[in-house]
Amino acid sequence: MENHFVKITDLATFDDLTTRSQAQPVVIFKHSLTCPVSSGAYEQMADFEGEVALIEVQRARELSREIEQRLGVAHESPQVIVLRNGQVVWNASHFDITTEAVADAVKQAAAA
């Protein structure tokens, strides 16, 4: 399985993702570089077939905070947020992040 992590570190890239979510679901993964639980979630996301916008929270704290404010989803890490039409349609954190759960959420968002 091929994975596509695309690191994002700035607000302009996040704005582009939000715009792209008008056409298709967008997956955002907030990842902690030091947390063992986040390492497990990273492995799950590595198995996800599709693009994953990766935010390494230690390297992009301001972006992470801005996403929390704009989307109204309290920050956690690890955390996955699926956007569709600029809105949060699904999110999960910690052990709820599985390849299958994210794939199902994206599939449902694409069908909506």
PDB file of N, CA and C in Angstrom:
ATOM      1  N   MET A   1       0.838  -1.187   0.000  1.00  0.00           N
ATOM      2  CA  MET A   1       0.000   0.000   0.000  1.00  0.00           C
ATOM      3  C   MET A   1       0.875   1.240   0.000  1.00  0.00           C
ATOM      4  N   GLU A   2       0.493   2.185  -0.795  1.00  0.00           N
ATOM      5  CA  GLU A   2       1.258   3.420  -0.873  1.00  0.00           C
ATOM      6  C   GLU A   2       0.554   4.488  -0.041  1.00  0.00           C
ATOM      7  N   ASN A   3       1.356   5.239   0.695  1.00  0.00           N
ATOM      8  CA  ASN A   3       0.761   6.324   1.461  1.00  0.00           C
ATOM      9  C   ASN A   3       1.330   7.651   0.985  1.00  0.00           C
ATOM     10  N   HIS A   4       0.600   8.680   1.264  1.00  0.00           N
ATOM     11  CA  HIS A   4       0.993  10.007   0.812  1.00  0.00           C
ATOM     12  C   HIS A   4       0.847  11.001   1.959  1.00  0.00           C
ATOM     13  N   PHE A   5       1.903  11.126   2.750  1.00  0.00           N
ATOM     14  CA  PHE A   5       1.915  12.151   3.780  1.00  0.00           C
ATOM     15  C   PHE A   5       2.443  13.438   3.158  1.00  0.00           C
ATOM     16  N   VAL A   6       1.706  14.505   3.338  1.00  0.00           N
ATOM     17  CA  VAL A   6       2.131  15.812   2.866  1.00  0.00           C
ATOM     18  C   VAL A   6       2.181  16.712   4.091  1.00  0.00           C
ATOM     19  N   LYS A   7       3.388  17.089   4.504  1.00  0.00           N
ATOM     20  CA  LYS A   7       3.528  17.935   5.693  1.00  0.00           C
ATOM     21  C   LYS A   7       3.010  19.329   5.399  1.00  0.00           C
ATOM     22  N   ILE A   8       2.202  19.822   6.337  1.00  0.00           N
ATOM     23  CA  ILE A   8       1.771  21.210   6.220  1.00  0.00           C
ATOM     24  C   ILE A   8       2.210  21.952   7.477  1.00  0.00           C
ATOM     25  N   THR A   9       2.678  23.156   7.267  1.00  0.00           N
ATOM     26  CA  THR A   9       3.220  23.936   8.379  1.00  0.00           C
ATOM     27  C   THR A   9       2.695  25.357   8.422  1.00  0.00           C
ATOM     28  N   ASP A  10       1.890  25.733   7.433  1.00  0.00           N
ATOM     29  CA  ASP A  10       1.454  27.133   7.393  1.00  0.00           C
ATOM     30  C   ASP A  10      -0.031  27.251   7.075  1.00  0.00           C
ATOM     31  N   LEU A  11      -0.559  28.392   7.409  1.00  0.00           N
ATOM     32  CA  LEU A  11      -1.984  28.656   7.254  1.00  0.00           C
ATOM     33  C   LEU A  11      -2.415  28.678   5.787  1.00  0.00           C
ATOM     34  N   ALA A  12      -1.563  29.144   4.906  1.00  0.00           N
ATOM     35  CA  ALA A  12      -1.919  29.196   3.484  1.00  0.00           C
ATOM     36  C   ALA A  12      -2.174  27.793   2.943  1.00  0.00           C
ATOM     37  N   THR A  13      -1.371  26.840   3.340  1.00  0.00           N
ATOM     38  CA  THR A  13      -1.572  25.460   2.901  1.00  0.00           C
ATOM     39  C   THR A  13      -2.856  24.895   3.487  1.00  0.00           C
ATOM     40  N   PHE A  14      -3.134  25.211   4.746  1.00  0.00           N
ATOM     41  CA  PHE A  14      -4.393  24.774   5.345  1.00  0.00           C
ATOM     42  C   PHE A  14      -5.578  25.381   4.591  1.00  0.00           C
ATOM     43  N   ASP A  15      -5.478  26.650   4.231  1.00  0.00           N
ATOM     44  CA  ASP A  15      -6.551  27.289   3.451  1.00  0.00           C
ATOM     45  C   ASP A  15      -6.751  26.573   2.116  1.00  0.00           C
ATOM     46  N   ASP A  16      -5.654  26.147   1.487  1.00  0.00           N
ATOM     47  CA  ASP A  16      -5.755  25.385   0.236  1.00  0.00           C
ATOM     48  C   ASP A  16      -6.479  24.055   0.455  1.00  0.00           C
ATOM     49  N   LEU A  17      -6.169  23.398   1.568  1.00  0.00           N
ATOM     50  CA  LEU A  17      -6.850  22.138   1.889  1.00  0.00           C
ATOM     51  C   LEU A  17      -8.347  22.357   2.071  1.00  0.00           C
ATOM     52  N   THR A  18      -8.688  23.423   2.761  1.00  0.00           N
ATOM     53  CA  THR A  18     -10.099  23.736   2.976  1.00  0.00           C
ATOM     54  C   THR A  18     -10.806  23.951   1.640  1.00  0.00           C
ATOM     55  N   THR A  19     -10.157  24.664   0.733  1.00  0.00           N
ATOM     56  CA  THR A  19     -10.719  24.873  -0.597  1.00  0.00           C
ATOM     57  C   THR A  19     -10.847  23.550  -1.351  1.00  0.00           C
ATOM     58  N   ARG A  20      -9.830  22.703  -1.274  1.00  0.00           N
ATOM     59  CA  ARG A  20      -9.870  21.398  -1.944  1.00  0.00           C
ATOM     60  C   ARG A  20     -10.991  20.520  -1.409  1.00  0.00           C
ATOM     61  N   SER A  21     -11.363  20.729  -0.152  1.00  0.00           N
ATOM     62  CA  SER A  21     -12.426  19.904   0.433  1.00  0.00           C
ATOM     63  C   SER A  21     -13.783  20.169  -0.212  1.00  0.00           C
ATOM     64  N   GLN A  22     -13.886  21.237  -1.018  1.00  0.00           N
ATOM     65  CA  GLN A  22     -15.125  21.488  -1.748  1.00  0.00           C
ATOM     66  C   GLN A  22     -15.343  20.414  -2.815  1.00  0.00           C
ATOM     67  N   ALA A  23     -14.252  19.867  -3.337  1.00  0.00           N
ATOM     68  CA  ALA A  23     -14.339  18.882  -4.412  1.00  0.00           C
ATOM     69  C   ALA A  23     -14.232  17.444  -3.921  1.00  0.00           C
ATOM     70  N   GLN A  24     -13.518  17.250  -2.806  1.00  0.00           N
ATOM     71  CA  GLN A  24     -13.307  15.893  -2.292  1.00  0.00           C
ATOM     72  C   GLN A  24     -12.944  15.967  -0.819  1.00  0.00           C
ATOM     73  N   PRO A  25     -13.142  14.881  -0.091  1.00  0.00           N
ATOM     74  CA  PRO A  25     -12.763  14.878   1.320  1.00  0.00           C
ATOM     75  C   PRO A  25     -11.248  15.060   1.484  1.00  0.00           C
ATOM     76  N   VAL A  26     -10.877  15.752   2.546  1.00  0.00           N
ATOM     77  CA  VAL A  26      -9.476  15.999   2.875  1.00  0.00           C
ATOM     78  C   VAL A  26      -9.209  15.422   4.261  1.00  0.00           C
ATOM     79  N   VAL A  27      -8.104  14.693   4.391  1.00  0.00           N
ATOM     80  CA  VAL A  27      -7.724  14.074   5.658  1.00  0.00           C
ATOM     81  C   VAL A  27      -6.568  14.850   6.269  1.00  0.00           C
ATOM     82  N   ILE A  28      -6.758  15.300   7.507  1.00  0.00           N
ATOM     83  CA  ILE A  28      -5.722  16.013   8.258  1.00  0.00           C
ATOM     84  C   ILE A  28      -5.343  15.152   9.457  1.00  0.00           C
ATOM     85  N   PHE A  29      -4.060  14.945   9.637  1.00  0.00           N
ATOM     86  CA  PHE A  29      -3.561  14.131  10.740  1.00  0.00           C
ATOM     87  C   PHE A  29      -2.612  14.964  11.595  1.00  0.00           C
ATOM     88  N   LYS A  30      -3.027  15.230  12.832  1.00  0.00           N
ATOM     89  CA  LYS A  30      -2.167  15.918  13.798  1.00  0.00           C
ATOM     90  C   LYS A  30      -1.373  14.855  14.552  1.00  0.00           C
ATOM     91  N   HIS A  31      -0.064  14.941  14.428  1.00  0.00           N
ATOM     92  CA  HIS A  31       0.826  13.905  14.941  1.00  0.00           C
ATOM     93  C   HIS A  31       1.856  14.489  15.902  1.00  0.00           C
ATOM     94  N   SER A  32       2.017  13.833  17.042  1.00  0.00           N
ATOM     95  CA  SER A  32       3.060  14.203  17.998  1.00  0.00           C
ATOM     96  C   SER A  32       4.291  13.350  17.733  1.00  0.00           C
ATOM     97  N   LEU A  33       5.434  13.990  17.614  1.00  0.00           N
ATOM     98  CA  LEU A  33       6.681  13.287  17.332  1.00  0.00           C
ATOM     99  C   LEU A  33       7.219  12.531  18.541  1.00  0.00           C
ATOM    100  N   THR A  34       6.662  12.790  19.728  1.00  0.00           N
ATOM    101  CA  THR A  34       7.201  12.197  20.955  1.00  0.00           C
ATOM    102  C   THR A  34       6.248  11.255  21.669  1.00  0.00           C
ATOM    103  N   CYS A  35       5.059  11.086  21.167  1.00  0.00           N
ATOM    104  CA  CYS A  35       4.033  10.299  21.861  1.00  0.00           C
ATOM    105  C   CYS A  35       3.933   8.889  21.275  1.00  0.00           C
ATOM    106  N   PRO A  36       4.029   7.868  22.126  1.00  0.00           N
ATOM    107  CA  PRO A  36       3.898   6.490  21.627  1.00  0.00           C
ATOM    108  C   PRO A  36       2.527   6.191  21.029  1.00  0.00           C
ATOM    109  N   VAL A  37       1.474   6.765  21.590  1.00  0.00           N
ATOM    110  CA  VAL A  37       0.132   6.553  21.032  1.00  0.00           C
ATOM    111  C   VAL A  37       0.066   7.152  19.628  1.00  0.00           C
ATOM    112  N   SER A  38       0.677   8.316  19.464  1.00  0.00           N
ATOM    113  CA  SER A  38       0.698   8.956  18.157  1.00  0.00           C
ATOM    114  C   SER A  38       1.504   8.135  17.151  1.00  0.00           C
ATOM    115  N   SER A  39       2.542   7.471  17.606  1.00  0.00           N
ATOM    116  CA  SER A  39       3.317   6.588  16.712  1.00  0.00           C
ATOM    117  C   SER A  39       2.436   5.458  16.186  1.00  0.00           C
ATOM    118  N   GLY A  40       1.597   4.909  17.052  1.00  0.00           N
ATOM    119  CA  GLY A  40       0.662   3.871  16.616  1.00  0.00           C
ATOM    120  C   GLY A  40      -0.335   4.398  15.610  1.00  0.00           C
ATOM    121  N   ALA A  41      -0.839   5.600  15.851  1.00  0.00           N
ATOM    122  CA  ALA A  41      -1.773   6.209  14.909  1.00  0.00           C
ATOM    123  C   ALA A  41      -1.081   6.498  13.576  1.00  0.00           C
ATOM    124  N   TYR A  42       0.190   6.885  13.644  1.00  0.00           N
ATOM    125  CA  TYR A  42       0.961   7.133  12.418  1.00  0.00           C
ATOM    126  C   TYR A  42       1.027   5.858  11.575  1.00  0.00           C
ATOM    127  N   GLU A  43       1.250   4.739  12.223  1.00  0.00           N
ATOM    128  CA  GLU A  43       1.289   3.465  11.503  1.00  0.00           C
ATOM    129  C   GLU A  43      -0.053   3.169  10.841  1.00  0.00           C
ATOM    130  N   GLN A  44      -1.138   3.452  11.546  1.00  0.00           N
ATOM    131  CA  GLN A  44      -2.465   3.264  10.954  1.00  0.00           C
ATOM    132  C   GLN A  44      -2.639   4.171   9.732  1.00  0.00           C
ATOM    133  N   MET A  45      -2.200   5.422   9.846  1.00  0.00           N
ATOM    134  CA  MET A  45      -2.348   6.360   8.732  1.00  0.00           C
ATOM    135  C   MET A  45      -1.412   6.012   7.578  1.00  0.00           C
ATOM    136  N   ALA A  46      -0.298   5.382   7.875  1.00  0.00           N
ATOM    137  CA  ALA A  46       0.619   4.949   6.816  1.00  0.00           C
ATOM    138  C   ALA A  46      -0.046   3.902   5.934  1.00  0.00           C
ATOM    139  N   ASP A  47      -0.970   3.135   6.502  1.00  0.00           N
ATOM    140  CA  ASP A  47      -1.685   2.115   5.737  1.00  0.00           C
ATOM    141  C   ASP A  47      -2.901   2.679   4.997  1.00  0.00           C
ATOM    142  N   PHE A  48      -3.267   3.915   5.278  1.00  0.00           N
ATOM    143  CA  PHE A  48      -4.405   4.547   4.612  1.00  0.00           C
ATOM    144  C   PHE A  48      -4.039   4.821   3.160  1.00  0.00           C
ATOM    145  N   GLU A  49      -4.922   4.446   2.259  1.00  0.00           N
ATOM    146  CA  GLU A  49      -4.671   4.674   0.835  1.00  0.00           C
ATOM    147  C   GLU A  49      -5.246   6.015   0.426  1.00  0.00           C
ATOM    148  N   GLY A  50      -4.418   7.005   0.411  1.00  0.00           N
ATOM    149  CA  GLY A  50      -4.842   8.337   0.023  1.00  0.00           C
ATOM    150  C   GLY A  50      -3.954   9.380   0.653  1.00  0.00           C
ATOM    151  N   GLU A  51      -4.119  10.595   0.205  1.00  0.00           N
ATOM    152  CA  GLU A  51      -3.302  11.689   0.708  1.00  0.00           C
ATOM    153  C   GLU A  51      -3.677  12.033   2.147  1.00  0.00           C
ATOM    154  N   VAL A  52      -2.662  12.275   2.954  1.00  0.00           N
ATOM    155  CA  VAL A  52      -2.844  12.655   4.346  1.00  0.00           C
ATOM    156  C   VAL A  52      -2.050  13.935   4.591  1.00  0.00           C
ATOM    157  N   ALA A  53      -2.750  14.997   4.969  1.00  0.00           N
ATOM    158  CA  ALA A  53      -2.074  16.241   5.340  1.00  0.00           C
ATOM    159  C   ALA A  53      -1.558  16.058   6.764  1.00  0.00           C
ATOM    160  N   LEU A  54      -0.251  16.053   6.918  1.00  0.00           N
ATOM    161  CA  LEU A  54       0.398  15.761   8.186  1.00  0.00           C
ATOM    162  C   LEU A  54       0.841  17.035   8.878  1.00  0.00           C
ATOM    163  N   ILE A  55       0.374  17.207  10.107  1.00  0.00           N
ATOM    164  CA  ILE A  55       0.816  18.331  10.933  1.00  0.00           C
ATOM    165  C   ILE A  55       1.592  17.754  12.107  1.00  0.00           C
ATOM    166  N   GLU A  56       2.869  18.023  12.146  1.00  0.00           N
ATOM    167  CA  GLU A  56       3.695  17.615  13.282  1.00  0.00           C
ATOM    168  C   GLU A  56       3.549  18.723  14.321  1.00  0.00           C
ATOM    169  N   VAL A  57       2.790  18.436  15.375  1.00  0.00           N
ATOM    170  CA  VAL A  57       2.360  19.500  16.282  1.00  0.00           C
ATOM    171  C   VAL A  57       3.519  20.240  16.938  1.00  0.00           C
ATOM    172  N   GLN A  58       4.622  19.561  17.188  1.00  0.00           N
ATOM    173  CA  GLN A  58       5.754  20.253  17.807  1.00  0.00           C
ATOM    174  C   GLN A  58       6.381  21.270  16.850  1.00  0.00           C
ATOM    175  N   ARG A  59       6.219  21.069  15.569  1.00  0.00           N
ATOM    176  CA  ARG A  59       6.824  21.959  14.569  1.00  0.00           C
ATOM    177  C   ARG A  59       5.835  22.974  14.001  1.00  0.00           C
ATOM    178  N   ALA A  60       4.568  22.837  14.360  1.00  0.00           N
ATOM    179  CA  ALA A  60       3.544  23.731  13.796  1.00  0.00           C
ATOM    180  C   ALA A  60       2.469  24.025  14.843  1.00  0.00           C
ATOM    181  N   ARG A  61       2.886  24.454  16.013  1.00  0.00           N
ATOM    182  CA  ARG A  61       1.937  24.698  17.112  1.00  0.00           C
ATOM    183  C   ARG A  61       0.906  25.782  16.778  1.00  0.00           C
ATOM    184  N   GLU A  62       1.356  26.866  16.183  1.00  0.00           N
ATOM    185  CA  GLU A  62       0.420  27.944  15.852  1.00  0.00           C
ATOM    186  C   GLU A  62      -0.620  27.480  14.840  1.00  0.00           C
ATOM    187  N   LEU A  63      -0.199  26.722  13.848  1.00  0.00           N
ATOM    188  CA  LEU A  63      -1.135  26.182  12.863  1.00  0.00           C
ATOM    189  C   LEU A  63      -2.140  25.262  13.536  1.00  0.00           C
ATOM    190  N   SER A  64      -1.650  24.412  14.416  1.00  0.00           N
ATOM    191  CA  SER A  64      -2.532  23.493  15.128  1.00  0.00           C
ATOM    192  C   SER A  64      -3.585  24.257  15.932  1.00  0.00           C
ATOM    193  N   ARG A  65      -3.156  25.309  16.606  1.00  0.00           N
ATOM    194  CA  ARG A  65      -4.113  26.133  17.376  1.00  0.00           C
ATOM    195  C   ARG A  65      -5.127  26.826  16.467  1.00  0.00           C
ATOM    196  N   GLU A  66      -4.659  27.319  15.337  1.00  0.00           N
ATOM    197  CA  GLU A  66      -5.550  28.005  14.401  1.00  0.00           C
ATOM    198  C   GLU A  66      -6.594  27.031  13.832  1.00  0.00           C
ATOM    199  N   ILE A  67      -6.177  25.823  13.535  1.00  0.00           N
ATOM    200  CA  ILE A  67      -7.116  24.807  13.042  1.00  0.00           C
ATOM    201  C   ILE A  67      -8.171  24.519  14.102  1.00  0.00           C
ATOM    202  N   GLU A  68      -7.733  24.410  15.349  1.00  0.00           N
ATOM    203  CA  GLU A  68      -8.680  24.187  16.447  1.00  0.00           C
ATOM    204  C   GLU A  68      -9.714  25.311  16.494  1.00  0.00           C
ATOM    205  N   GLN A  69      -9.259  26.547  16.390  1.00  0.00           N
ATOM    206  CA  GLN A  69     -10.188  27.689  16.445  1.00  0.00           C
ATOM    207  C   GLN A  69     -11.126  27.719  15.250  1.00  0.00           C
ATOM    208  N   ARG A  70     -10.580  27.547  14.078  1.00  0.00           N
ATOM    209  CA  ARG A  70     -11.391  27.648  12.862  1.00  0.00           C
ATOM    210  C   ARG A  70     -12.410  26.522  12.734  1.00  0.00           C
ATOM    211  N   LEU A  71     -12.001  25.317  13.093  1.00  0.00           N
ATOM    212  CA  LEU A  71     -12.877  24.167  12.883  1.00  0.00           C
ATOM    213  C   LEU A  71     -13.737  23.836  14.096  1.00  0.00           C
ATOM    214  N   GLY A  72     -13.371  24.374  15.247  1.00  0.00           N
ATOM    215  CA  GLY A  72     -14.156  24.109  16.449  1.00  0.00           C
ATOM    216  C   GLY A  72     -13.977  22.713  17.003  1.00  0.00           C
ATOM    217  N   VAL A  73     -12.858  22.074  16.676  1.00  0.00           N
ATOM    218  CA  VAL A  73     -12.557  20.741  17.181  1.00  0.00           C
ATOM    219  C   VAL A  73     -11.402  20.885  18.166  1.00  0.00           C
ATOM    220  N   ALA A  74     -11.653  20.541  19.431  1.00  0.00           N
ATOM    221  CA  ALA A  74     -10.611  20.666  20.449  1.00  0.00           C
ATOM    222  C   ALA A  74      -9.379  19.874  20.040  1.00  0.00           C
ATOM    223  N   HIS A  75      -8.214  20.477  20.219  1.00  0.00           N
ATOM    224  CA  HIS A  75      -6.956  19.838  19.832  1.00  0.00           C
ATOM    225  C   HIS A  75      -6.667  18.606  20.688  1.00  0.00           C
ATOM    226  N   GLU A  76      -6.286  17.561  20.004  1.00  0.00           N
ATOM    227  CA  GLU A  76      -5.739  16.373  20.651  1.00  0.00           C
ATOM    228  C   GLU A  76      -4.643  15.876  19.722  1.00  0.00           C
ATOM    229  N   SER A  77      -3.764  15.094  20.260  1.00  0.00           N
ATOM    230  CA  SER A  77      -2.803  14.448  19.382  1.00  0.00           C
ATOM    231  C   SER A  77      -2.482  13.083  19.976  1.00  0.00           C
ATOM    232  N   PRO A  78      -2.603  12.113  19.106  1.00  0.00           N
ATOM    233  CA  PRO A  78      -2.907  12.187  17.682  1.00  0.00           C
ATOM    234  C   PRO A  78      -4.388  12.493  17.434  1.00  0.00           C
ATOM    235  N   GLN A  79      -4.624  13.045  16.256  1.00  0.00           N
ATOM    236  CA  GLN A  79      -5.995  13.400  15.883  1.00  0.00           C
ATOM    237  C   GLN A  79      -6.119  13.381  14.364  1.00  0.00           C
ATOM    238  N   VAL A  80      -7.240  12.856  13.886  1.00  0.00           N
ATOM    239  CA  VAL A  80      -7.549  12.896  12.461  1.00  0.00           C
ATOM    240  C   VAL A  80      -8.842  13.677  12.291  1.00  0.00           C
ATOM    241  N   ILE A  81      -8.824  14.571  11.325  1.00  0.00           N
ATOM    242  CA  ILE A  81     -10.004  15.368  10.975  1.00  0.00           C
ATOM    243  C   ILE A  81     -10.255  15.179   9.482  1.00  0.00           C
ATOM    244  N   VAL A  82     -11.494  14.874   9.126  1.00  0.00           N
ATOM    245  CA  VAL A  82     -11.878  14.785   7.717  1.00  0.00           C
ATOM    246  C   VAL A  82     -12.750  15.990   7.408  1.00  0.00           C
ATOM    247  N   LEU A  83     -12.328  16.740   6.392  1.00  0.00           N
ATOM    248  CA  LEU A  83     -13.073  17.924   5.941  1.00  0.00           C
ATOM    249  C   LEU A  83     -13.788  17.614   4.632  1.00  0.00           C
ATOM    250  N   ARG A  84     -14.995  18.151   4.513  1.00  0.00           N
ATOM    251  CA  ARG A  84     -15.736  18.099   3.248  1.00  0.00           C
ATOM    252  C   ARG A  84     -16.521  19.390   3.161  1.00  0.00           C
ATOM    253  N   ASN A  85     -16.403  20.075   2.049  1.00  0.00           N
ATOM    254  CA  ASN A  85     -17.070  21.368   1.857  1.00  0.00           C
ATOM    255  C   ASN A  85     -16.686  22.365   2.954  1.00  0.00           C
ATOM    256  N   GLY A  86     -15.431  22.306   3.369  1.00  0.00           N
ATOM    257  CA  GLY A  86     -14.931  23.245   4.371  1.00  0.00           C
ATOM    258  C   GLY A  86     -15.370  22.964   5.795  1.00  0.00           C
ATOM    259  N   GLN A  87     -16.089  21.870   5.997  1.00  0.00           N
ATOM    260  CA  GLN A  87     -16.628  21.546   7.315  1.00  0.00           C
ATOM    261  C   GLN A  87     -16.062  20.219   7.820  1.00  0.00           C
ATOM    262  N   VAL A  88     -15.983  20.096   9.131  1.00  0.00           N
ATOM    263  CA  VAL A  88     -15.575  18.835   9.734  1.00  0.00           C
ATOM    264  C   VAL A  88     -16.733  17.847   9.612  1.00  0.00           C
ATOM    265  N   VAL A  89     -16.469  16.713   8.974  1.00  0.00           N
ATOM    266  CA  VAL A  89     -17.507  15.686   8.854  1.00  0.00           C
ATOM    267  C   VAL A  89     -17.190  14.485   9.734  1.00  0.00           C
ATOM    268  N   TRP A  90     -15.940  14.410  10.212  1.00  0.00           N
ATOM    269  CA  TRP A  90     -15.553  13.298  11.076  1.00  0.00           C
ATOM    270  C   TRP A  90     -14.240  13.663  11.740  1.00  0.00           C
ATOM    271  N   ASN A  91     -14.086  13.210  12.983  1.00  0.00           N
ATOM    272  CA  ASN A  91     -12.794  13.352  13.643  1.00  0.00           C
ATOM    273  C   ASN A  91     -12.658  12.250  14.676  1.00  0.00           C
ATOM    274  N   ALA A  92     -11.416  11.922  14.971  1.00  0.00           N
ATOM    275  CA  ALA A  92     -11.116  10.891  15.960  1.00  0.00           C
ATOM    276  C   ALA A  92      -9.750  11.190  16.557  1.00  0.00           C
ATOM    277  N   SER A  93      -9.521  10.620  17.727  1.00  0.00           N
ATOM    278  CA  SER A  93      -8.226  10.801  18.359  1.00  0.00           C
ATOM    279  C   SER A  93      -7.787   9.497  19.014  1.00  0.00           C
ATOM    280  N   HIS A  94      -6.535   9.473  19.335  1.00  0.00           N
ATOM    281  CA  HIS A  94      -5.907   8.381  20.061  1.00  0.00           C
ATOM    282  C   HIS A  94      -6.195   7.020  19.429  1.00  0.00           C
ATOM    283  N   PHE A  95      -6.705   6.078  20.203  1.00  0.00           N
ATOM    284  CA  PHE A  95      -6.889   4.711  19.723  1.00  0.00           C
ATOM    285  C   PHE A  95      -8.074   4.542  18.780  1.00  0.00           C
ATOM    286  N   ASP A  96      -8.876   5.590  18.608  1.00  0.00           N
ATOM    287  CA  ASP A  96      -9.979   5.534  17.647  1.00  0.00           C
ATOM    288  C   ASP A  96      -9.495   5.743  16.212  1.00  0.00           C
ATOM    289  N   ILE A  97      -8.224   6.090  16.057  1.00  0.00           N
ATOM    290  CA  ILE A  97      -7.656   6.288  14.723  1.00  0.00           C
ATOM    291  C   ILE A  97      -7.207   4.938  14.182  1.00  0.00           C
ATOM    292  N   THR A  98      -7.982   4.445  13.221  1.00  0.00           N
ATOM    293  CA  THR A  98      -7.610   3.210  12.536  1.00  0.00           C
ATOM    294  C   THR A  98      -7.720   3.447  11.036  1.00  0.00           C
ATOM    295  N   THR A  99      -6.974   2.670  10.298  1.00  0.00           N
ATOM    296  CA  THR A  99      -7.018   2.773   8.839  1.00  0.00           C
ATOM    297  C   THR A  99      -8.450   2.618   8.346  1.00  0.00           C
ATOM    298  N   GLU A 100      -9.144   1.625   8.876  1.00  0.00           N
ATOM    299  CA  GLU A 100     -10.503   1.329   8.425  1.00  0.00           C
ATOM    300  C   GLU A 100     -11.472   2.463   8.770  1.00  0.00           C
ATOM    301  N   ALA A 101     -11.354   3.006   9.976  1.00  0.00           N
ATOM    302  CA  ALA A 101     -12.271   4.077  10.389  1.00  0.00           C
ATOM    303  C   ALA A 101     -12.096   5.306   9.509  1.00  0.00           C
ATOM    304  N   VAL A 102     -10.852   5.663   9.214  1.00  0.00           N
ATOM    305  CA  VAL A 102     -10.598   6.835   8.368  1.00  0.00           C
ATOM    306  C   VAL A 102     -11.098   6.569   6.952  1.00  0.00           C
ATOM    307  N   ALA A 103     -10.823   5.387   6.424  1.00  0.00           N
ATOM    308  CA  ALA A 103     -11.294   5.057   5.079  1.00  0.00           C
ATOM    309  C   ALA A 103     -12.816   5.099   4.992  1.00  0.00           C
ATOM    310  N   ASP A 104     -13.497   4.586   6.005  1.00  0.00           N
ATOM    311  CA  ASP A 104     -14.964   4.639   6.023  1.00  0.00           C
ATOM    312  C   ASP A 104     -15.463   6.076   6.075  1.00  0.00           C
ATOM    313  N   ALA A 105     -14.821   6.900   6.904  1.00  0.00           N
ATOM    314  CA  ALA A 105     -15.236   8.303   7.007  1.00  0.00           C
ATOM    315  C   ALA A 105     -15.052   9.042   5.683  1.00  0.00           C
ATOM    316  N   VAL A 106     -13.944   8.776   5.011  1.00  0.00           N
ATOM    317  CA  VAL A 106     -13.693   9.420   3.716  1.00  0.00           C
ATOM    318  C   VAL A 106     -14.716   8.935   2.693  1.00  0.00           C
ATOM    319  N   LYS A 107     -14.997   7.653   2.699  1.00  0.00           N
ATOM    320  CA  LYS A 107     -15.979   7.099   1.757  1.00  0.00           C
ATOM    321  C   LYS A 107     -17.360   7.730   1.969  1.00  0.00           C
ATOM    322  N   GLN A 108     -17.778   7.844   3.221  1.00  0.00           N
ATOM    323  CA  GLN A 108     -19.076   8.463   3.518  1.00  0.00           C
ATOM    324  C   GLN A 108     -19.093   9.936   3.123  1.00  0.00           C
ATOM    325  N   ALA A 109     -17.989  10.622   3.382  1.00  0.00           N
ATOM    326  CA  ALA A 109     -17.920  12.055   3.028  1.00  0.00           C
ATOM    327  C   ALA A 109     -17.950  12.252   1.524  1.00  0.00           C
ATOM    328  N   ALA A 110     -17.318  11.354   0.787  1.00  0.00           N
ATOM    329  CA  ALA A 110     -17.302  11.467  -0.663  1.00  0.00           C
ATOM    330  C   ALA A 110     -18.692  11.229  -1.254  1.00  0.00           C
ATOM    331  N   ALA A 111     -19.466  10.372  -0.602  1.00  0.00           N
ATOM    332  CA  ALA A 111     -20.806  10.052  -1.090  1.00  0.00           C
ATOM    333  C   ALA A 111     -21.827  11.131  -0.751  1.00  0.00           C
ATOM    334  N   ALA A 112     -21.497  11.968   0.217  1.00  0.00           N
ATOM    335  CA  ALA A 112     -22.469  12.986   0.666  1.00  0.00           C
ATOM    336  C   ALA A 112     -22.565  14.141  -0.296  1.00  0.00           C
TER     337      ALA A 112
END
